[in-house]
Amino acid sequence: MKVLFIVQGEGRGHLTQAIAMERLLTNHGYHVTEVLVGKNLSKRLPGFFTRNIQAPIKQFSSPNFLPTRSNKRANIPYSLLYNLLKLPEYAESMRFIHQRIKESQADIVINFYELLTGFTYFLFRPSAPLVCIGHQYLFLHKDFQLPASINKTELFLLNMFSRLTSLGASKRLALSFRSMNPDKKRNIFAVPPLLRQDIFYQEVSQHNYIHGYMVNAGFAENVYEWHKKCPEVQLRFFWDRWEEEPVKRIDDTLSFYQLDDTLFLRQMAGCKAYASTAGFESICEAMYFRKPILMVPAHIEQECNAYDAMQNGAGIIDNNFNLERLLEFTKTYQPNVKFTYWVQSAESIILNELESLVPTHFEEQMYMVEEFI
């Protein structure tokens, strides 16, 4: 069976999901024909993605959020204006996506939270069934608990964005920290996180350093300020600042690393604790390694992630990299053992969801042909 991937290329999360999904499907006889990646074409794809994806990769221009001057959060007004000016370019991208779906003769299309996929299905109505996968769809689930302090306007915009990415979808697979009943009215099915195979082969240990990852490199200044107060604590942080050298060594106990999948996982498996801007994938990886986590949400999506992760025993939340709180939390941390078994069930649960869809789709197509005859 032929499968086409369409992936949002901003950040690390959706790219790692695509890597894991390709391996899962390939191991069960599926053929991933192509991987289409939507991103700002001025930015390069991370090496960990291009090295690990086996199918041909094609890129297209896609909407993205621009950071504020401090490079910590998304600048929503500026991002909207920027993307409005690029609408003709995005229209061409949608034509490209539709063409690739037709020419690949895909039996199924899997969308990793790329906005233009939803618009392509709304405007062009490709015949291949669409499955959308991402943890953001969980926020639409009728049973999902949101933090009481959530900004209702920002939540509305986030959920609207999620709905737009999944226009025309036959199923929304919502990556979750735990099992939940299906929300059939909204076609939302909770599935375990999609973690890369490398996770399961790491040797987990506990050395005396804090490991970290920040999507927006502006947080590096906060880490550096904390480091000056506690220089005896060893810090190893990863960032997306590609113009810097692979390892920027500040002194004996603080280093910043360019994102490298192998090194990132090895450092996480050996750390004392983990601090992050609350991206879903790295939280899941740290939970699987049973590491205490400090989550510093940079936007509404990460606020929901952090709250849900905290409810599931992953760690604590702060509005800054106050690492002394993380060190204190390590003294009382109790890992969520159930999460390990939930992750290990991902393969069978996700395959069941995909395989339950495809026969139904083909039966509907045959029924339409018989009616026509």
Foldseek 3Di string as FASTA:
>chain_A
DEEEEEFEQADDARLQLVLLVCVLQVVVPYHHAEYEYEDQVVDDHDPQRVVRDDHHYHYAYAQDFDADPLQQAGDVVVSVVVVVVCVVRLVVVLVVVLVCCVVSVGQAYEYALGLSQLVSCVPVVDLRAYEYEEQLVVLVAPPADFDPPADPVQSVVSVVSSCSSQHRHPAYEHAALDADDAPVVVRYHYAHDRGHPVLVVAQAAEDQAEEEEEAGCSLVVLVVVLCVVPVVHAYEYEYCPVVDDQWADPDDRDIYGYDDPVVNLNPLRHYQAYEYCQDQHVLLSNLLSPHEYEHAHSGNVSSRSQVSCVVQQRYYYDNGPPVVRSVVVSVPGDGRPVSNVRNVCRSVVVVVVVVVPSVVSVVVVVVVVVVVD
